[in-house]
C-alpha atoms as a PDB file:
ATOM      1  CA  UNK A   1     -11.690 146.972 135.961  1.00  0.00           C
ATOM      2  CA  UNK A   2     -11.660 143.565 134.310  1.00  0.00           C
ATOM      3  CA  UNK A   3     -14.341 144.622 131.829  1.00  0.00           C
ATOM      4  CA  UNK A   4     -12.301 147.629 130.743  1.00  0.00           C
ATOM      5  CA  UNK A   5      -9.272 145.479 129.682  1.00  0.00           C
ATOM      6  CA  UNK A   6     -11.162 142.798 127.806  1.00  0.00           C
ATOM      7  CA  UNK A   7     -11.365 144.675 124.460  1.00  0.00           C
ATOM      8  CA  UNK A   8      -7.639 145.346 124.535  1.00  0.00           C
ATOM      9  CA  UNK A   9      -6.871 141.713 125.202  1.00  0.00           C
ATOM     10  CA  UNK A  10      -9.165 140.642 122.432  1.00  0.00           C
ATOM     11  CA  UNK A  11      -7.462 143.080 120.006  1.00  0.00           C
ATOM     12  CA  UNK A  12      -4.038 141.779 120.917  1.00  0.00           C
ATOM     13  CA  UNK A  13      -5.166 138.207 120.414  1.00  0.00           C
ATOM     14  CA  UNK A  14      -6.576 139.077 117.006  1.00  0.00           C
ATOM     15  CA  UNK A  15      -3.352 140.784 115.924  1.00  0.00           C
ATOM     16  CA  UNK A  16      -1.331 137.736 117.053  1.00  0.00           C
ATOM     17  CA  UNK A  17      -3.473 135.379 115.035  1.00  0.00           C
ATOM     18  CA  UNK A  18      -3.073 137.607 111.968  1.00  0.00           C
ATOM     19  CA  UNK A  19       0.681 137.604 112.409  1.00  0.00           C
ATOM     20  CA  UNK A  20       0.818 133.801 112.707  1.00  0.00           C
ATOM     21  CA  UNK A  21      -1.333 133.437 109.609  1.00  0.00           C
ATOM     22  CA  UNK A  22       0.896 135.753 107.588  1.00  0.00           C
ATOM     23  CA  UNK A  23       4.048 133.961 108.734  1.00  0.00           C
ATOM     24  CA  UNK A  24       2.539 130.610 107.814  1.00  0.00           C
ATOM     25  CA  UNK A  25       1.775 131.865 104.332  1.00  0.00           C
ATOM     26  CA  UNK A  26       5.271 133.398 103.770  1.00  0.00           C
ATOM     27  CA  UNK A  27       7.824 130.802 102.416  1.00  0.00           C
ATOM     28  CA  UNK A  28      10.939 130.157 104.564  1.00  0.00           C
ATOM     29  CA  UNK A  29      14.019 132.057 103.579  1.00  0.00           C
ATOM     30  CA  UNK A  30      16.904 129.922 102.102  1.00  0.00           C
ATOM     31  CA  UNK A  31      20.489 130.502 103.305  1.00  0.00           C
ATOM     32  CA  UNK A  32      22.669 132.469 100.940  1.00  0.00           C
ATOM     33  CA  UNK A  33      24.531 130.244  98.497  1.00  0.00           C
ATOM     34  CA  UNK A  34      28.228 129.534  99.413  1.00  0.00           C
ATOM     35  CA  UNK A  35      29.431 128.852  95.850  1.00  0.00           C
ATOM     36  CA  UNK A  36      30.364 125.113  96.552  1.00  0.00           C
ATOM     37  CA  UNK A  37      28.640 122.038  95.264  1.00  0.00           C
ATOM     38  CA  UNK A  38      27.729 119.221  97.658  1.00  0.00           C
ATOM     39  CA  UNK A  39      30.645 117.075  96.282  1.00  0.00           C
ATOM     40  CA  UNK A  40      33.120 119.896  96.830  1.00  0.00           C
ATOM     41  CA  UNK A  41      31.735 120.406 100.306  1.00  0.00           C
ATOM     42  CA  UNK A  42      32.285 116.698 101.106  1.00  0.00           C
ATOM     43  CA  UNK A  43      35.821 116.877  99.712  1.00  0.00           C
ATOM     44  CA  UNK A  44      36.534 119.937 101.849  1.00  0.00           C
ATOM     45  CA  UNK A  45      35.221 118.118 104.907  1.00  0.00           C
ATOM     46  CA  UNK A  46      37.482 115.127 104.128  1.00  0.00           C
ATOM     47  CA  UNK A  47      40.517 117.407 103.807  1.00  0.00           C
ATOM     48  CA  UNK A  48      39.681 119.023 107.131  1.00  0.00           C
ATOM     49  CA  UNK A  49      39.351 115.578 108.718  1.00  0.00           C
ATOM     50  CA  UNK A  50      42.743 114.495 107.213  1.00  0.00           C
ATOM     51  CA  UNK A  51      44.394 117.613 108.550  1.00  0.00           C
ATOM     52  CA  UNK A  52      42.846 116.984 111.927  1.00  0.00           C
ATOM     53  CA  UNK A  53      44.151 113.385 111.934  1.00  0.00           C
ATOM     54  CA  UNK A  54      47.637 114.555 110.875  1.00  0.00           C
ATOM     55  CA  UNK A  55      47.609 117.142 113.634  1.00  0.00           C
ATOM     56  CA  UNK A  56      46.553 114.475 116.132  1.00  0.00           C
ATOM     57  CA  UNK A  57      49.354 112.128 114.920  1.00  0.00           C
ATOM     58  CA  UNK A  58      51.937 114.937 115.082  1.00  0.00           C
ATOM     59  CA  UNK A  59      50.778 115.776 118.602  1.00  0.00           C
ATOM     60  CA  UNK A  60      51.027 112.083 119.594  1.00  0.00           C
ATOM     61  CA  UNK A  61      54.512 111.812 117.996  1.00  0.00           C
ATOM     62  CA  UNK A  62      55.664 114.958 119.769  1.00  0.00           C
ATOM     63  CA  UNK A  63      54.371 113.562 123.045  1.00  0.00           C
ATOM     64  CA  UNK A  64      56.228 110.253 122.427  1.00  0.00           C
ATOM     65  CA  UNK A  65      59.432 112.088 121.460  1.00  0.00           C
ATOM     66  CA  UNK A  66      59.188 114.242 124.551  1.00  0.00           C
ATOM     67  CA  UNK A  67      58.665 111.130 126.664  1.00  0.00           C
ATOM     68  CA  UNK A  68      61.697 109.438 124.960  1.00  0.00           C
ATOM     69  CA  UNK A  69      63.895 112.497 125.567  1.00  0.00           C
ATOM     70  CA  UNK A  70      62.786 112.578 129.183  1.00  0.00           C
ATOM     71  CA  UNK A  71      63.645 108.880 129.670  1.00  0.00           C
ATOM     72  CA  UNK A  72      67.056 109.286 127.927  1.00  0.00           C
ATOM     73  CA  UNK A  73      67.838 112.296 130.121  1.00  0.00           C
ATOM     74  CA  UNK A  74      66.966 110.263 133.182  1.00  0.00           C
ATOM     75  CA  UNK A  75      69.195 107.390 131.973  1.00  0.00           C
ATOM     76  CA  UNK A  76      72.132 109.754 131.358  1.00  0.00           C
ATOM     77  CA  UNK A  77      71.613 111.384 134.720  1.00  0.00           C
ATOM     78  CA  UNK A  78      71.635 107.941 136.353  1.00  0.00           C
ATOM     79  CA  UNK A  79      74.750 106.903 134.345  1.00  0.00           C
ATOM     80  CA  UNK A  80      76.714 110.043 135.200  1.00  0.00           C
ATOM     81  CA  UNK A  81      75.696 109.727 138.813  1.00  0.00           C
ATOM     82  CA  UNK A  82      76.997 106.131 138.899  1.00  0.00           C
ATOM     83  CA  UNK A  83      80.187 107.163 137.066  1.00  0.00           C
ATOM     84  CA  UNK A  84      80.758 109.970 139.507  1.00  0.00           C
ATOM     85  CA  UNK A  85      80.240 107.629 142.449  1.00  0.00           C
ATOM     86  CA  UNK A  86      82.636 105.060 140.891  1.00  0.00           C
ATOM     87  CA  UNK A  87      85.280 107.732 140.276  1.00  0.00           C
ATOM     88  CA  UNK A  88      85.026 108.935 143.821  1.00  0.00           C
ATOM     89  CA  UNK A  89      85.355 105.340 145.035  1.00  0.00           C
ATOM     90  CA  UNK A  90      88.481 104.816 142.913  1.00  0.00           C
ATOM     91  CA  UNK A  91      90.001 108.042 144.149  1.00  0.00           C
ATOM     92  CA  UNK A  92      89.284 106.906 147.667  1.00  0.00           C
ATOM     93  CA  UNK A  93      90.993 103.531 147.081  1.00  0.00           C
ATOM     94  CA  UNK A  94      94.003 105.245 145.493  1.00  0.00           C
ATOM     95  CA  UNK A  95      94.251 107.539 148.485  1.00  0.00           C
ATOM     96  CA  UNK A  96      94.155 104.522 150.791  1.00  0.00           C
ATOM     97  CA  UNK A  97      96.859 102.740 148.780  1.00  0.00           C
ATOM     98  CA  UNK A  98      99.074 105.810 148.806  1.00  0.00           C
ATOM     99  CA  UNK A  99      98.594 106.115 152.507  1.00  0.00           C
ATOM    100  CA  UNK A 100      99.508 102.443 153.018  1.00  0.00           C
ATOM    101  CA  UNK A 101     102.606 102.800 150.827  1.00  0.00           C
ATOM    102  CA  UNK A 102     103.635 105.910 152.694  1.00  0.00           C
ATOM    103  CA  UNK A 103     103.147 104.061 155.963  1.00  0.00           C
ATOM    104  CA  UNK A 104     105.315 101.118 154.910  1.00  0.00           C
ATOM    105  CA  UNK A 105     107.896 103.444 153.389  1.00  0.00           C
ATOM    106  CA  UNK A 106     108.137 105.383 156.598  1.00  0.00           C
ATOM    107  CA  UNK A 107     108.242 102.208 158.713  1.00  0.00           C
ATOM    108  CA  UNK A 108     110.684 100.058 156.751  1.00  0.00           C
ATOM    109  CA  UNK A 109     112.589 102.836 154.994  1.00  0.00           C
ATOM    110  CA  UNK A 110     113.529 103.151 151.327  1.00  0.00           C
ATOM    111  CA  UNK A 111     116.108 100.370 151.399  1.00  0.00           C
ATOM    112  CA  UNK A 112     113.492  97.711 150.786  1.00  0.00           C
ATOM    113  CA  UNK A 113     112.164  99.439 147.675  1.00  0.00           C
ATOM    114  CA  UNK A 114     115.685 100.265 146.525  1.00  0.00           C
ATOM    115  CA  UNK A 115     116.658  96.590 146.734  1.00  0.00           C
ATOM    116  CA  UNK A 116     113.551  95.561 144.846  1.00  0.00           C
ATOM    117  CA  UNK A 117     114.247  98.138 142.151  1.00  0.00           C
ATOM    118  CA  UNK A 118     117.863  97.024 141.774  1.00  0.00           C
ATOM    119  CA  UNK A 119     116.798  93.385 141.659  1.00  0.00           C
ATOM    120  CA  UNK A 120     114.217  94.130 138.966  1.00  0.00           C
ATOM    121  CA  UNK A 121     116.776  96.112 136.967  1.00  0.00           C
ATOM    122  CA  UNK A 122     119.366  93.317 137.215  1.00  0.00           C
ATOM    123  CA  UNK A 123     116.811  90.713 136.188  1.00  0.00           C
ATOM    124  CA  UNK A 124     115.662  92.814 133.242  1.00  0.00           C
ATOM    125  CA  UNK A 125     119.282  93.483 132.199  1.00  0.00           C
ATOM    126  CA  UNK A 126     120.135  89.789 132.300  1.00  0.00           C
ATOM    127  CA  UNK A 127     117.064  88.861 130.272  1.00  0.00           C
ATOM    128  CA  UNK A 128     117.744  91.665 127.771  1.00  0.00           C
ATOM    129  CA  UNK A 129     121.376  90.588 127.414  1.00  0.00           C
ATOM    130  CA  UNK A 130     120.320  86.985 126.799  1.00  0.00           C
ATOM    131  CA  UNK A 131     117.705  88.052 124.231  1.00  0.00           C
ATOM    132  CA  UNK A 132     120.202  90.266 122.405  1.00  0.00           C
ATOM    133  CA  UNK A 133     122.807  87.484 122.383  1.00  0.00           C
ATOM    134  CA  UNK A 134     120.295  84.961 121.024  1.00  0.00           C
ATOM    135  CA  UNK A 135     119.122  87.437 118.367  1.00  0.00           C
ATOM    136  CA  UNK A 136     122.698  88.201 117.298  1.00  0.00           C
ATOM    137  CA  UNK A 137     123.500  84.493 117.044  1.00  0.00           C
ATOM    138  CA  UNK A 138     120.385  83.844 114.968  1.00  0.00           C
ATOM    139  CA  UNK A 139     121.071  86.788 112.664  1.00  0.00           C
ATOM    140  CA  UNK A 140     124.711  85.754 112.309  1.00  0.00           C
ATOM    141  CA  UNK A 141     123.705  82.197 111.430  1.00  0.00           C
ATOM    142  CA  UNK A 142     121.196  83.424 108.835  1.00  0.00           C
ATOM    143  CA  UNK A 143     123.755  85.851 107.430  1.00  0.00           C
ATOM    144  CA  UNK A 144     126.367  83.121 107.111  1.00  0.00           C
ATOM    145  CA  UNK A 145     123.836  80.859 105.426  1.00  0.00           C
ATOM    146  CA  UNK A 146     122.820  83.587 102.977  1.00  0.00           C
ATOM    147  CA  UNK A 147     126.445  84.501 102.294  1.00  0.00           C
ATOM    148  CA  UNK A 148     127.299  80.864 101.642  1.00  0.00           C
ATOM    149  CA  UNK A 149     124.350  80.510  99.255  1.00  0.00           C
ATOM    150  CA  UNK A 150     125.203  83.717  97.412  1.00  0.00           C
ATOM    151  CA  UNK A 151     128.875  82.760  97.258  1.00  0.00           C
ATOM    152  CA  UNK A 152     127.995  79.377  95.775  1.00  0.00           C
ATOM    153  CA  UNK A 153     125.659  80.978  93.231  1.00  0.00           C
ATOM    154  CA  UNK A 154     128.324  83.521  92.285  1.00  0.00           C
ATOM    155  CA  UNK A 155     130.937  80.807  92.079  1.00  0.00           C
ATOM    156  CA  UNK A 156     128.743  78.641  89.850  1.00  0.00           C
ATOM    157  CA  UNK A 157     127.877  81.593  87.630  1.00  0.00           C
ATOM    158  CA  UNK A 158     131.522  82.622  87.397  1.00  0.00           C
ATOM    159  CA  UNK A 159     132.571  79.059  86.642  1.00  0.00           C
ATOM    160  CA  UNK A 160     129.959  78.793  83.898  1.00  0.00           C
ATOM    161  CA  UNK A 161     131.023  82.154  82.489  1.00  0.00           C
ATOM    162  CA  UNK A 162     134.691  81.152  82.536  1.00  0.00           C
ATOM    163  CA  UNK A 163     133.849  77.847  80.846  1.00  0.00           C
ATOM    164  CA  UNK A 164     131.803  79.642  78.177  1.00  0.00           C
ATOM    165  CA  UNK A 165     134.549  82.204  77.642  1.00  0.00           C
ATOM    166  CA  UNK A 166     137.135  79.434  77.357  1.00  0.00           C
ATOM    167  CA  UNK A 167     134.933  77.620  74.868  1.00  0.00           C
ATOM    168  CA  UNK A 168     134.450  80.804  72.837  1.00  0.00           C
ATOM    169  CA  UNK A 169     138.204  81.413  72.832  1.00  0.00           C
ATOM    170  CA  UNK A 170     138.770  77.856  71.669  1.00  0.00           C
ATOM    171  CA  UNK A 171     136.305  78.335  68.815  1.00  0.00           C
ATOM    172  CA  UNK A 172     138.004  81.556  67.726  1.00  0.00           C
ATOM    173  CA  UNK A 173     141.469  80.027  68.046  1.00  0.00           C
ATOM    174  CA  UNK A 174     140.429  76.941  66.098  1.00  0.00           C
ATOM    175  CA  UNK A 175     138.903  79.087  63.356  1.00  0.00           C
ATOM    176  CA  UNK A 176     142.022  81.201  63.080  1.00  0.00           C
ATOM    177  CA  UNK A 177     144.261  78.107  63.065  1.00  0.00           C
ATOM    178  CA  UNK A 178     142.223  76.383  60.329  1.00  0.00           C
ATOM    179  CA  UNK A 179     142.057  79.546  58.213  1.00  0.00           C
ATOM    180  CA  UNK A 180     145.795  80.229  58.564  1.00  0.00           C
ATOM    181  CA  UNK A 181     146.631  76.578  57.804  1.00  0.00           C
ATOM    182  CA  UNK A 182     144.372  76.627  54.751  1.00  0.00           C
ATOM    183  CA  UNK A 183     146.029  79.789  53.435  1.00  0.00           C
ATOM    184  CA  UNK A 184     149.430  78.208  53.886  1.00  0.00           C
ATOM    185  CA  UNK A 185     148.327  75.041  52.036  1.00  0.00           C
ATOM    186  CA  UNK A 186     146.776  77.068  49.217  1.00  0.00           C
ATOM    187  CA  UNK A 187     149.990  79.046  48.888  1.00  0.00           C
ATOM    188  CA  UNK A 188     151.843  75.742  48.564  1.00  0.00           C
ATOM    189  CA  UNK A 189     149.433  74.534  45.876  1.00  0.00           C
ATOM    190  CA  UNK A 190     147.822  71.907  48.101  1.00  0.00           C
ATOM    191  CA  UNK A 191     144.282  72.986  47.203  1.00  0.00           C
ATOM    192  CA  UNK A 192     142.451  69.855  48.340  1.00  0.00           C
ATOM    193  CA  UNK A 193     143.882  70.103  51.840  1.00  0.00           C
ATOM    194  CA  UNK A 194     143.336  73.870  51.855  1.00  0.00           C
ATOM    195  CA  UNK A 195     139.666  73.429  50.950  1.00  0.00           C
ATOM    196  CA  UNK A 196     139.216  70.887  53.765  1.00  0.00           C
ATOM    197  CA  UNK A 197     140.731  73.326  56.274  1.00  0.00           C
ATOM    198  CA  UNK A 198     138.620  76.194  54.913  1.00  0.00           C
ATOM    199  CA  UNK A 199     135.497  74.005  55.228  1.00  0.00           C
ATOM    200  CA  UNK A 200     136.405  73.144  58.853  1.00  0.00           C
ATOM    201  CA  UNK A 201     136.853  76.858  59.564  1.00  0.00           C
ATOM    202  CA  UNK A 202     133.473  77.551  57.921  1.00  0.00           C
ATOM    203  CA  UNK A 203     131.815  74.929  60.131  1.00  0.00           C
ATOM    204  CA  UNK A 204     133.271  76.659  63.209  1.00  0.00           C
ATOM    205  CA  UNK A 205     131.950  79.988  61.924  1.00  0.00           C
ATOM    206  CA  UNK A 206     128.525  78.478  61.266  1.00  0.00           C
ATOM    207  CA  UNK A 207     128.237  76.915  64.759  1.00  0.00           C
ATOM    208  CA  UNK A 208     129.244  80.180  66.472  1.00  0.00           C
ATOM    209  CA  UNK A 209     127.128  82.439  64.294  1.00  0.00           C
ATOM    210  CA  UNK A 210     124.261  82.812  66.858  1.00  0.00           C
ATOM    211  CA  UNK A 211     126.782  84.043  69.461  1.00  0.00           C
ATOM    212  CA  UNK A 212     128.506  86.373  66.924  1.00  0.00           C
ATOM    213  CA  UNK A 213     131.917  85.064  68.001  1.00  0.00           C
ATOM    214  CA  UNK A 214     133.479  85.510  64.570  1.00  0.00           C
ATOM    215  CA  UNK A 215     132.983  88.553  62.375  1.00  0.00           C
ATOM    216  CA  UNK A 216     130.798  88.113  59.283  1.00  0.00           C
ATOM    217  CA  UNK A 217     133.517  89.277  56.886  1.00  0.00           C
ATOM    218  CA  UNK A 218     135.675  86.320  58.008  1.00  0.00           C
ATOM    219  CA  UNK A 219     132.861  83.970  57.030  1.00  0.00           C
ATOM    220  CA  UNK A 220     132.529  85.662  53.628  1.00  0.00           C
ATOM    221  CA  UNK A 221     136.277  85.392  53.069  1.00  0.00           C
ATOM    222  CA  UNK A 222     136.226  81.689  53.989  1.00  0.00           C
ATOM    223  CA  UNK A 223     133.400  80.971  51.504  1.00  0.00           C
ATOM    224  CA  UNK A 224     135.274  82.922  48.823  1.00  0.00           C
ATOM    225  CA  UNK A 225     138.462  80.933  49.459  1.00  0.00           C
ATOM    226  CA  UNK A 226     136.619  77.596  49.197  1.00  0.00           C
ATOM    227  CA  UNK A 227     135.143  78.294  45.758  1.00  0.00           C
ATOM    228  CA  UNK A 228     138.308  79.982  44.520  1.00  0.00           C
ATOM    229  CA  UNK A 229     140.242  76.888  45.605  1.00  0.00           C
ATOM    230  CA  UNK A 230     137.809  74.649  43.714  1.00  0.00           C
ATOM    231  CA  UNK A 231     138.372  76.697  40.565  1.00  0.00           C
ATOM    232  CA  UNK A 232     142.154  76.276  40.938  1.00  0.00           C
ATOM    233  CA  UNK A 233     141.977  72.586  41.826  1.00  0.00           C
ATOM    234  CA  UNK A 234     139.555  71.658  39.026  1.00  0.00           C
ATOM    235  CA  UNK A 235     140.147  74.126  36.167  1.00  0.00           C
ATOM    236  CA  UNK A 236     137.963  72.218  33.696  1.00  0.00           C
ATOM    237  CA  UNK A 237     135.228  71.011  36.021  1.00  0.00           C
ATOM    238  CA  UNK A 238     135.094  73.605  38.811  1.00  0.00           C
ATOM    239  CA  UNK A 239     131.395  74.389  38.249  1.00  0.00           C
ATOM    240  CA  UNK A 240     130.370  70.763  38.818  1.00  0.00           C
ATOM    241  CA  UNK A 241     132.551  70.639  41.931  1.00  0.00           C
ATOM    242  CA  UNK A 242     131.039  73.949  43.054  1.00  0.00           C
ATOM    243  CA  UNK A 243     127.535  72.480  42.632  1.00  0.00           C
ATOM    244  CA  UNK A 244     128.566  69.503  44.768  1.00  0.00           C
ATOM    245  CA  UNK A 245     129.933  71.907  47.380  1.00  0.00           C
ATOM    246  CA  UNK A 246     126.727  73.955  47.382  1.00  0.00           C
ATOM    247  CA  UNK A 247     124.707  70.777  47.979  1.00  0.00           C
ATOM    248  CA  UNK A 248     126.173  70.675  51.480  1.00  0.00           C
ATOM    249  CA  UNK A 249     123.530  71.634  54.060  1.00  0.00           C
ATOM    250  CA  UNK A 250     126.176  73.807  55.696  1.00  0.00           C
ATOM    251  CA  UNK A 251     125.246  76.568  53.248  1.00  0.00           C
ATOM    252  CA  UNK A 252     121.517  76.536  54.121  1.00  0.00           C
ATOM    253  CA  UNK A 253     122.054  79.218  56.757  1.00  0.00           C
ATOM    254  CA  UNK A 254     124.808  81.091  54.922  1.00  0.00           C
ATOM    255  CA  UNK A 255     122.796  82.796  52.196  1.00  0.00           C
ATOM    256  CA  UNK A 256     124.174  86.234  53.018  1.00  0.00           C
ATOM    257  CA  UNK A 257     127.764  85.018  53.020  1.00  0.00           C
ATOM    258  CA  UNK A 258     127.243  83.265  49.654  1.00  0.00           C
ATOM    259  CA  UNK A 259     125.747  86.409  48.142  1.00  0.00           C
ATOM    260  CA  UNK A 260     128.678  88.530  49.362  1.00  0.00           C
ATOM    261  CA  UNK A 261     131.234  86.017  48.073  1.00  0.00           C
ATOM    262  CA  UNK A 262     129.484  85.917  44.677  1.00  0.00           C
ATOM    263  CA  UNK A 263     130.333  89.588  44.154  1.00  0.00           C
ATOM    264  CA  UNK A 264     133.994  88.575  43.612  1.00  0.00           C
ATOM    265  CA  UNK A 265     133.337  85.313  41.716  1.00  0.00           C
ATOM    266  CA  UNK A 266     131.533  85.982  38.384  1.00  0.00           C
ATOM    267  CA  UNK A 267     130.380  82.386  37.768  1.00  0.00           C
ATOM    268  CA  UNK A 268     129.042  81.788  41.326  1.00  0.00           C
ATOM    269  CA  UNK A 269     125.721  83.767  41.224  1.00  0.00           C
ATOM    270  CA  UNK A 270     124.211  81.465  38.569  1.00  0.00           C
ATOM    271  CA  UNK A 271     125.034  78.396  40.651  1.00  0.00           C
ATOM    272  CA  UNK A 272     123.567  80.008  43.773  1.00  0.00           C
ATOM    273  CA  UNK A 273     120.347  80.806  41.857  1.00  0.00           C
ATOM    274  CA  UNK A 274     120.144  77.221  40.570  1.00  0.00           C
ATOM    275  CA  UNK A 275     120.665  75.946  44.119  1.00  0.00           C
ATOM    276  CA  UNK A 276     117.789  78.046  45.393  1.00  0.00           C
ATOM    277  CA  UNK A 277     115.500  76.686  42.691  1.00  0.00           C
ATOM    278  CA  UNK A 278     116.412  73.087  43.513  1.00  0.00           C
ATOM    279  CA  UNK A 279     115.901  73.456  47.255  1.00  0.00           C
ATOM    280  CA  UNK A 280     112.833  71.559  48.519  1.00  0.00           C
ATOM    281  CA  UNK A 281     109.924  73.821  49.280  1.00  0.00           C
ATOM    282  CA  UNK A 282     108.786  73.904  52.885  1.00  0.00           C
ATOM    283  CA  UNK A 283     105.524  72.067  53.556  1.00  0.00           C
ATOM    284  CA  UNK A 284     102.391  74.153  53.413  1.00  0.00           C
ATOM    285  CA  UNK A 285     100.976  75.049  56.813  1.00  0.00           C
ATOM    286  CA  UNK A 286      98.155  72.837  57.940  1.00  0.00           C
ATOM    287  CA  UNK A 287      94.880  74.793  58.091  1.00  0.00           C
ATOM    288  CA  UNK A 288      93.331  74.955  61.526  1.00  0.00           C
ATOM    289  CA  UNK A 289      90.634  72.390  62.107  1.00  0.00           C
ATOM    290  CA  UNK A 290      87.141  73.657  62.601  1.00  0.00           C
ATOM    291  CA  UNK A 291      85.774  72.868  66.046  1.00  0.00           C
END
């Protein structure tokens, strides 16, 4: 039986050797190309590793957050449990106090509490009355002080106003008196005395001009009367006398009045023009110094 199988075994061994020889001669098959270069493959591997790390970090963060939430929940549960226990304790104490008060109220009656209430009310009323009285006294003192101060201020202001009004009335009265007296003297032919009175009236007009106490037309009339009086007093030399009159510094601030009076006196405009030309010129302004 063994001799009958030997050729078959030998044939199988020969076929196996042939197969090994053919496989040794055939080159190994290469895997199908994936379309990526080695650099791209490394980059893809790095991206996958980064994503894996990010996923691990997110998982760790989620675990920490969950642990934090769990601890906070436990803390809140502990806090609310303590608060509940405290509330129950307070309610218990309040119940005990109410019971004690009810006991004493039933034992001693309400008269004790009624007396205490009335005593507290009387004490509070007395204190309130004293506070109100003190406040009223303080306010009254302050009010009197303020009224006295305001009264003094009003009195001083009224006194000053009355004094100013009296002074203004005196200026007007003096002007009218001097003007009327000058007219009377001029009518009597006493021109020198009339001119002196007119000049005094013009000085009063000039001093009160900032306050506008005397109307401007009265000032113009007074100037006109002065120069008309000079023409009547000095028929042959009135222009020289008029020049001397215009040299008075009183006319420095009466340019408008002089111009209005010159409309009725034909020879006066030339003298006014000459006066303007002879007036000293104001000094030139000093230029600012350079720093």
